[in-house]
Amino acid sequence: MAWTTFQIIIATVMLLTGSLNTLIAKWTDQLKATGRDDGAPREFNHPFVQACAMFLGEFLCLVAFAVVWGIRRQRSASVSGDVDVLITREGQQQPFTWRNSFVFLPPALCDMTATSIMYVGLNMTYASSFQMLRGAVIIFTALLSAIVGISDIVFNQQANADMNSIITGDLLIIMAQIIAACQMVYEEKFLSKYDVPALVAVGLEGFFGFTVLAIILVPLAYIPAGSFSATPFHTVEDAIDAFAQMRNNYLIVIGLVGTIFSIAFFNYAGISVTKEINATTRMVLDSLRTLIIWAVSLGLKWQKFQYLQIIGFILLVIGMAVYNGILNKDQYVRVKRRVVTTIWKDNGSREVLVRDDDIIERH
């Protein structure tokens, strides 16, 4: 069945905003500006501030839902009571109310930790590797996407210090997927019992993630990190220095605003794709944005061509397809039957009867 105009639009929005999110974050990392020390211009190395921007983007999904709900409430006089604040459907799931909001705090903390670690890794490695290694949340895919990390090491022609940074960045991104996996397990076990709109789920995790991380930024400014940190006082994070760099280079502000809105539109479009089309299409589009990020990184000369990344990308897509049931034994048998049938019919000396359970040949 052909896609409708709306389905084409949301699929395109998901693909573009998902790709832009990683590319904008990497571009922002490379922007230089003087900080609070008024010294030489430095790259914007503030992963925790960038994580705050991402959570703020997720929180906008909750704002969007509130606006839509407000419009619908005005149109319908039947909406009343706390339970009816969120549209619920009949089934075995419990109706979600705002009193249950704190069930999203644990996954938000996992998301906050994983996202912060990933942004630290993004500062150290390539944007394409960042996107591909995020597939490590599935163990089978993790083993295949490890090829991507290996290619960063084997084919890296930069200084040893840069190589160590890239290796560390790749490892941090993989480690973050362990935390992301814990988040998914929690969401599957505890959140699936609530009938909650997806935009609300994303928005609440964004709200808790942004709030907690914004508070944590204060002690992070006093925790020493030595040479691992690029902040003026070599602490884990320095939000004041980040705002100073934003003031001295407006492009950094544009980059962070781009991160906020790209993640907001990406989450909305992703949820809409799952609802309007199917989850399989969402997985395929998510894989395609990895290819786009890699191609753009090569075009902008952020990295050199590495053929192992192509192999890693192909295996990554195959692994996800197998995991999501796109590739299975039944489909393999079906394709095999078509190939064999075509070959035998082209031969002309045999008549082939194809049944559901077997292939029977008659001379």
Protein backbone atom coordinates (compact mmCIF):
# COMPACT_ATOMS: atom_id res chain seq x y z
CA MET A 1 0.00 0.00 0.00
CA ALA A 2 1.33 3.41 -1.00
CA TRP A 3 2.25 5.88 1.71
CA THR A 4 0.09 8.92 2.29
CA THR A 5 1.51 12.43 2.11
CA PHE A 6 1.52 12.68 5.92
CA GLN A 7 3.42 9.38 6.24
CA ILE A 8 6.05 10.55 3.75
CA ILE A 9 6.45 13.82 5.66
CA ILE A 10 6.89 12.24 9.10
CA ALA A 11 9.31 9.62 7.72
CA THR A 12 11.38 12.37 6.09
CA VAL A 13 11.29 14.50 9.24
CA MET A 14 12.44 11.55 11.36
CA LEU A 15 15.31 10.75 8.98
CA LEU A 16 16.51 14.35 8.67
CA THR A 17 16.13 15.44 12.29
CA GLY A 18 17.66 12.20 13.57
CA SER A 19 20.70 12.74 11.37
CA LEU A 20 20.92 16.45 12.17
CA ASN A 21 20.86 15.77 15.91
CA THR A 22 24.18 13.89 15.87
CA LEU A 23 25.76 16.11 13.19
CA ILE A 24 24.81 19.33 15.00
CA ALA A 25 26.16 17.97 18.29
CA LYS A 26 29.50 17.10 16.64
CA TRP A 27 29.62 20.44 14.82
CA THR A 28 29.02 22.26 18.12
CA ASP A 29 31.87 20.30 19.73
CA GLN A 30 34.26 21.68 17.11
CA LEU A 31 33.29 25.35 17.51
CA LYS A 32 35.86 27.49 19.32
CA ALA A 33 35.38 30.44 21.66
CA THR A 34 37.05 32.03 24.64
CA GLY A 35 35.64 31.02 28.01
CA ARG A 36 35.56 32.42 31.52
CA ASP A 37 39.38 32.51 31.68
CA ASP A 38 39.55 34.88 28.65
CA GLY A 39 42.45 32.84 27.30
CA ALA A 40 42.93 31.35 23.87
CA PRO A 41 39.78 30.13 22.08
CA ARG A 42 38.93 26.53 22.99
CA GLU A 43 36.58 23.96 21.50
CA PHE A 44 33.17 23.69 23.12
CA ASN A 45 33.84 20.63 25.28
CA HIS A 46 30.79 20.59 27.56
CA PRO A 47 29.02 17.23 27.15
CA PHE A 48 26.84 17.59 30.24
CA VAL A 49 25.52 20.96 29.06
CA GLN A 50 24.77 19.39 25.69
CA ALA A 51 22.94 16.56 27.48
CA CYS A 52 20.82 19.20 29.24
CA ALA A 53 19.91 20.62 25.84
CA MET A 54 18.86 17.17 24.65
CA PHE A 55 16.61 16.62 27.67
CA LEU A 56 15.11 20.05 27.16
CA GLY A 57 14.22 18.93 23.64
CA GLU A 58 12.54 15.81 25.00
CA PHE A 59 10.63 17.96 27.50
CA LEU A 60 9.19 19.96 24.58
CA CYS A 61 7.32 16.77 23.61
CA LEU A 62 5.40 17.12 26.89
CA VAL A 63 4.71 20.77 26.11
CA ALA A 64 3.43 19.79 22.66
CA PHE A 65 1.15 17.17 24.21
CA ALA A 66 -0.17 19.70 26.73
CA VAL A 67 -1.01 22.13 23.92
CA VAL A 68 -2.81 19.45 21.90
CA TRP A 69 -4.65 18.22 24.99
CA GLY A 70 -5.71 21.76 25.85
CA ILE A 71 -7.16 22.26 22.38
CA ARG A 72 -9.00 18.94 22.55
CA ARG A 73 -10.31 19.72 26.01
CA GLN A 74 -11.84 22.94 24.80
CA ARG A 75 -13.55 21.05 22.00
CA SER A 76 -14.87 18.30 24.23
CA ALA A 77 -16.86 19.02 27.36
CA SER A 78 -16.76 15.35 28.32
CA VAL A 79 -13.13 15.47 29.45
CA SER A 80 -12.99 15.73 33.24
CA GLY A 81 -11.23 14.27 36.27
CA ASP A 82 -7.61 13.39 36.91
CA VAL A 83 -7.75 9.97 35.27
CA ASP A 84 -9.17 11.39 32.06
CA VAL A 85 -6.43 13.99 31.70
CA LEU A 86 -4.58 11.54 29.48
CA ILE A 87 -6.40 9.71 26.73
CA THR A 88 -6.64 6.06 27.71
CA ARG A 89 -7.72 2.97 25.84
CA GLU A 90 -9.48 -0.12 27.03
CA GLY A 91 -7.28 -3.05 27.85
CA GLN A 92 -5.24 -4.64 30.59
CA GLN A 93 -3.06 -1.57 31.16
CA GLN A 94 -3.67 0.71 34.12
CA PRO A 95 -4.87 4.25 33.37
CA PHE A 96 -2.01 6.71 33.76
CA THR A 97 -2.43 9.76 35.98
CA TRP A 98 -0.04 12.55 36.87
CA ARG A 99 0.37 10.94 40.30
CA ASN A 100 2.27 8.13 38.57
CA SER A 101 4.75 10.54 36.97
CA PHE A 102 7.62 9.56 39.25
CA VAL A 103 7.76 6.07 37.74
CA PHE A 104 9.65 7.83 34.95
CA LEU A 105 12.37 9.06 37.31
CA PRO A 106 14.52 5.86 37.27
CA PRO A 107 14.60 5.56 33.46
CA ALA A 108 15.27 9.30 33.26
CA LEU A 109 18.30 8.85 35.54
CA CYS A 110 19.54 5.99 33.33
CA ASP A 111 18.97 8.09 30.23
CA MET A 112 20.74 11.04 31.85
CA THR A 113 23.81 8.95 32.71
CA ALA A 114 23.96 7.18 29.36
CA THR A 115 23.43 10.37 27.34
CA SER A 116 26.08 12.30 29.29
CA ILE A 117 28.63 9.51 28.80
CA MET A 118 27.78 9.31 25.09
CA TYR A 119 28.31 13.05 24.64
CA VAL A 120 31.67 12.73 26.37
CA GLY A 121 32.50 9.97 23.88
CA LEU A 122 31.25 12.07 20.96
CA ASN A 123 33.78 14.74 21.88
CA MET A 124 36.52 12.15 21.39
CA THR A 125 35.47 10.09 18.39
CA TYR A 126 33.78 10.39 14.98
CA ALA A 127 30.09 11.21 14.55
CA SER A 128 29.54 8.12 12.39
CA SER A 129 31.17 5.86 14.98
CA PHE A 130 29.02 7.48 17.66
CA GLN A 131 25.85 6.66 15.73
CA MET A 132 26.86 3.12 14.76
CA LEU A 133 28.10 2.15 18.21
CA ARG A 134 24.75 3.19 19.68
CA GLY A 135 23.48 0.00 18.09
CA ALA A 136 25.38 -1.85 20.81
CA VAL A 137 22.22 -1.78 22.91
CA ILE A 138 21.43 -5.10 21.24
CA ILE A 139 24.10 -7.64 22.19
CA PHE A 140 24.15 -9.34 18.81
CA THR A 141 24.50 -6.03 17.04
CA ALA A 142 27.11 -4.92 19.56
CA LEU A 143 29.47 -7.69 18.46
CA LEU A 144 29.03 -6.69 14.83
CA SER A 145 29.25 -2.94 15.38
CA ALA A 146 32.54 -3.50 17.20
CA ILE A 147 34.04 -3.57 13.71
CA VAL A 148 33.33 0.14 13.56
CA GLY A 149 35.43 0.77 16.65
CA ILE A 150 38.21 -1.46 15.34
CA SER A 151 38.33 0.52 12.11
CA ASP A 152 38.85 3.72 14.12
CA ILE A 153 41.94 2.13 15.69
CA VAL A 154 43.43 0.27 12.72
CA PHE A 155 43.04 3.03 10.14
CA ASN A 156 43.63 6.05 12.32
CA GLN A 157 46.63 8.00 11.01
CA GLN A 158 46.59 10.78 13.59
CA ALA A 159 48.80 11.25 16.60
CA ASN A 160 48.87 8.71 19.41
CA ALA A 161 47.10 11.13 21.71
CA ASP A 162 44.24 11.44 19.21
CA MET A 163 44.13 7.66 18.81
CA ASN A 164 43.84 7.18 22.58
CA SER A 165 41.06 9.75 22.62
CA ILE A 166 39.16 7.95 19.84
CA ILE A 167 39.53 4.57 21.58
CA THR A 168 38.33 6.07 24.86
CA GLY A 169 35.39 7.74 23.12
CA ASP A 170 34.31 4.49 21.43
CA LEU A 171 34.55 2.57 24.72
CA LEU A 172 32.53 5.23 26.56
CA ILE A 173 29.77 5.05 23.96
CA ILE A 174 29.65 1.25 24.25
CA MET A 175 29.60 1.48 28.06
CA ALA A 176 26.69 3.91 27.83
CA GLN A 177 24.67 1.28 25.96
CA ILE A 178 24.82 -0.97 29.04
CA ILE A 179 23.06 1.76 31.01
CA ALA A 180 20.64 2.31 28.11
CA ALA A 181 19.84 -1.41 28.18
CA CYS A 182 19.01 -1.15 31.91
CA GLN A 183 16.69 1.72 31.07
CA MET A 184 14.88 -0.35 28.44
CA VAL A 185 14.51 -3.31 30.79
CA TYR A 186 12.97 -1.05 33.44
CA GLU A 187 10.64 0.57 30.92
CA GLU A 188 9.49 -2.82 29.63
CA LYS A 189 8.88 -4.23 33.13
CA PHE A 190 7.39 -1.27 34.98
CA LEU A 191 6.15 1.29 32.47
CA SER A 192 4.42 -1.07 30.04
CA LYS A 193 1.63 -1.65 32.55
CA TYR A 194 0.54 2.00 32.24
CA ASP A 195 -1.51 3.27 29.33
CA VAL A 196 0.46 6.44 28.72
CA PRO A 197 0.82 8.39 25.44
CA ALA A 198 4.31 8.15 24.00
CA LEU A 199 4.78 11.92 23.89
CA VAL A 200 4.03 12.09 27.61
CA ALA A 201 6.53 9.31 28.35
CA VAL A 202 9.29 11.06 26.37
CA GLY A 203 8.39 14.44 27.86
CA LEU A 204 8.42 13.24 31.47
CA GLU A 205 11.79 11.56 31.04
CA GLY A 206 13.06 14.79 29.51
CA PHE A 207 11.69 16.81 32.42
CA PHE A 208 13.25 14.61 35.09
CA GLY A 209 16.50 14.26 33.16
CA PHE A 210 16.86 18.01 32.64
CA THR A 211 15.96 18.86 36.24
CA VAL A 212 18.31 16.34 37.86
CA LEU A 213 21.20 17.04 35.48
CA ALA A 214 20.84 20.81 35.91
CA ILE A 215 21.20 20.31 39.68
CA ILE A 216 24.15 17.95 39.25
CA LEU A 217 25.99 20.56 37.17
CA VAL A 218 26.75 22.42 40.41
CA PRO A 219 28.85 19.69 42.13
CA LEU A 220 30.38 18.68 38.77
CA ALA A 221 31.97 22.13 38.64
CA TYR A 222 34.01 21.26 41.76
CA ILE A 223 35.04 17.67 40.98
CA PRO A 224 38.58 17.60 39.53
CA ALA A 225 39.12 15.60 36.34
CA GLY A 226 42.77 16.37 35.63
CA SER A 227 43.95 16.26 32.04
CA PHE A 228 40.76 14.46 31.03
CA SER A 229 38.91 17.79 31.26
CA ALA A 230 39.27 20.72 28.87
CA THR A 231 37.62 23.24 31.20
CA PRO A 232 39.69 26.12 32.62
CA PHE A 233 39.93 24.59 36.09
CA HIS A 234 40.02 20.97 34.83
CA THR A 235 36.79 19.95 36.50
CA VAL A 236 34.27 17.40 35.19
CA GLU A 237 32.00 20.18 33.91
CA ASP A 238 31.92 23.97 34.06
CA ALA A 239 28.53 25.39 33.15
CA ILE A 240 29.72 28.96 33.73
CA ASP A 241 32.50 28.46 31.19
CA ALA A 242 29.94 26.97 28.78
CA PHE A 243 27.74 30.07 29.03
CA ALA A 244 30.81 32.28 28.59
CA GLN A 245 31.67 30.46 25.37
CA MET A 246 28.06 30.79 24.21
CA ARG A 247 28.27 34.53 24.81
CA ASN A 248 31.48 34.82 22.81
CA ASN A 249 30.34 32.66 19.89
CA TYR A 250 26.67 32.81 18.87
CA LEU A 251 27.14 29.73 16.66
CA ILE A 252 27.37 27.61 19.81
CA VAL A 253 23.96 28.90 20.85
CA ILE A 254 22.60 28.04 17.41
CA GLY A 255 24.08 24.55 17.75
CA LEU A 256 22.45 23.95 21.14
CA VAL A 257 19.11 25.31 19.95
CA GLY A 258 19.42 23.01 16.93
CA THR A 259 20.00 20.08 19.29
CA ILE A 260 16.91 20.99 21.32
CA PHE A 261 14.52 21.22 18.38
CA SER A 262 16.03 18.36 16.36
CA ILE A 263 15.60 15.93 19.27
CA ALA A 264 12.04 17.21 19.86
CA PHE A 265 10.99 16.77 16.24
CA PHE A 266 12.86 13.47 15.99
CA ASN A 267 10.98 12.00 18.96
CA TYR A 268 7.63 13.25 17.68
CA ALA A 269 8.30 11.98 14.15
CA GLY A 270 9.57 8.63 15.46
CA ILE A 271 6.46 8.10 17.56
CA SER A 272 4.28 9.13 14.60
CA VAL A 273 6.08 6.71 12.26
CA THR A 274 5.49 3.84 14.69
CA LYS A 275 1.83 4.80 15.02
CA GLU A 276 1.04 5.66 11.39
CA ILE A 277 3.23 3.07 9.63
CA ASN A 278 4.98 0.47 11.81
CA ALA A 279 7.96 -0.10 14.11
CA THR A 280 9.86 -1.90 11.34
CA THR A 281 9.86 1.22 9.19
CA ARG A 282 11.14 3.21 12.15
CA MET A 283 14.04 0.77 12.56
CA VAL A 284 14.92 1.00 8.86
CA LEU A 285 14.87 4.81 8.96
CA ASP A 286 17.00 4.77 12.09
CA SER A 287 19.57 2.65 10.25
CA LEU A 288 19.50 4.96 7.24
CA ARG A 289 20.37 7.99 9.36
CA THR A 290 23.56 6.18 10.36
CA LEU A 291 24.48 6.05 6.67
CA ILE A 292 23.63 9.74 6.22
CA ILE A 293 25.77 10.75 9.20
CA TRP A 294 28.70 8.73 7.87
CA ALA A 295 28.36 10.21 4.37
CA VAL A 296 28.11 13.79 5.66
CA SER A 297 31.11 13.23 7.95
CA LEU A 298 33.14 12.13 4.94
CA GLY A 299 31.88 15.07 2.86
CA LEU A 300 32.82 17.56 5.57
CA LYS A 301 36.20 15.80 6.01
CA TRP A 302 35.54 15.11 9.66
CA GLN A 303 37.04 11.67 9.09
CA LYS A 304 38.73 9.60 6.40
CA PHE A 305 37.13 6.80 4.40
CA GLN A 306 37.38 3.44 6.15
CA TYR A 307 35.99 0.41 4.33
CA LEU A 308 35.55 -1.52 7.59
CA GLN A 309 32.85 0.95 8.56
CA ILE A 310 30.85 -0.11 5.49
CA ILE A 311 31.12 -3.73 6.60
CA GLY A 312 30.18 -2.72 10.13
CA PHE A 313 27.18 -0.76 8.87
CA ILE A 314 25.93 -3.68 6.74
CA LEU A 315 26.28 -6.13 9.63
CA LEU A 316 24.64 -3.58 11.92
CA VAL A 317 21.58 -3.38 9.67
CA ILE A 318 21.42 -7.17 9.28
CA GLY A 319 21.68 -7.66 13.03
CA MET A 320 18.86 -5.19 13.70
CA ALA A 321 16.74 -6.75 10.94
CA VAL A 322 17.16 -10.22 12.43
CA TYR A 323 16.44 -8.94 15.94
CA ASN A 324 13.28 -7.12 14.81
CA GLY A 325 12.03 -10.09 12.81
CA ILE A 326 12.46 -8.53 9.37
CA LEU A 327 14.81 -11.34 8.40
CA ASN A 328 13.72 -14.80 9.54
CA LYS A 329 13.65 -18.40 8.43
CA ASP A 330 10.25 -18.15 6.74
CA GLN A 331 11.35 -15.24 4.61
CA TYR A 332 14.56 -17.05 3.72
CA VAL A 333 12.58 -20.08 2.56
CA ARG A 334 10.19 -17.86 0.61
CA VAL A 335 13.03 -16.11 -1.22
CA LYS A 336 14.73 -19.44 -1.89
CA ARG A 337 11.56 -20.82 -3.45
CA ARG A 338 11.23 -17.83 -5.74
CA VAL A 339 14.84 -18.12 -6.88
CA VAL A 340 14.61 -21.87 -7.49
CA THR A 341 11.26 -21.48 -9.27
CA THR A 342 12.65 -18.79 -11.57
CA ILE A 343 15.72 -20.86 -12.44
CA TRP A 344 13.70 -23.99 -13.18
CA LYS A 345 11.12 -22.14 -15.27
CA ASP A 346 13.86 -20.47 -17.30
CA ASN A 347 15.32 -23.92 -17.97
CA GLY A 348 12.18 -24.83 -19.91
CA SER A 349 12.53 -28.58 -19.43
CA ARG A 350 10.67 -28.78 -16.13
CA GLU A 351 7.34 -27.70 -14.76
CA VAL A 352 7.51 -26.43 -11.21
CA LEU A 353 4.64 -26.54 -8.75
CA VAL A 354 5.18 -24.37 -5.68
CA ARG A 355 3.25 -25.29 -2.57
CA ASP A 356 3.22 -23.69 0.85
CA ASP A 357 5.10 -26.55 2.45
CA ASP A 358 7.49 -27.68 -0.24
CA ILE A 359 8.73 -27.40 -3.81
CA ILE A 360 7.70 -30.29 -6.09
CA GLU A 361 9.31 -30.78 -9.46
CA ARG A 362 7.80 -32.83 -12.29
CA HIS A 363 9.76 -33.90 -15.36
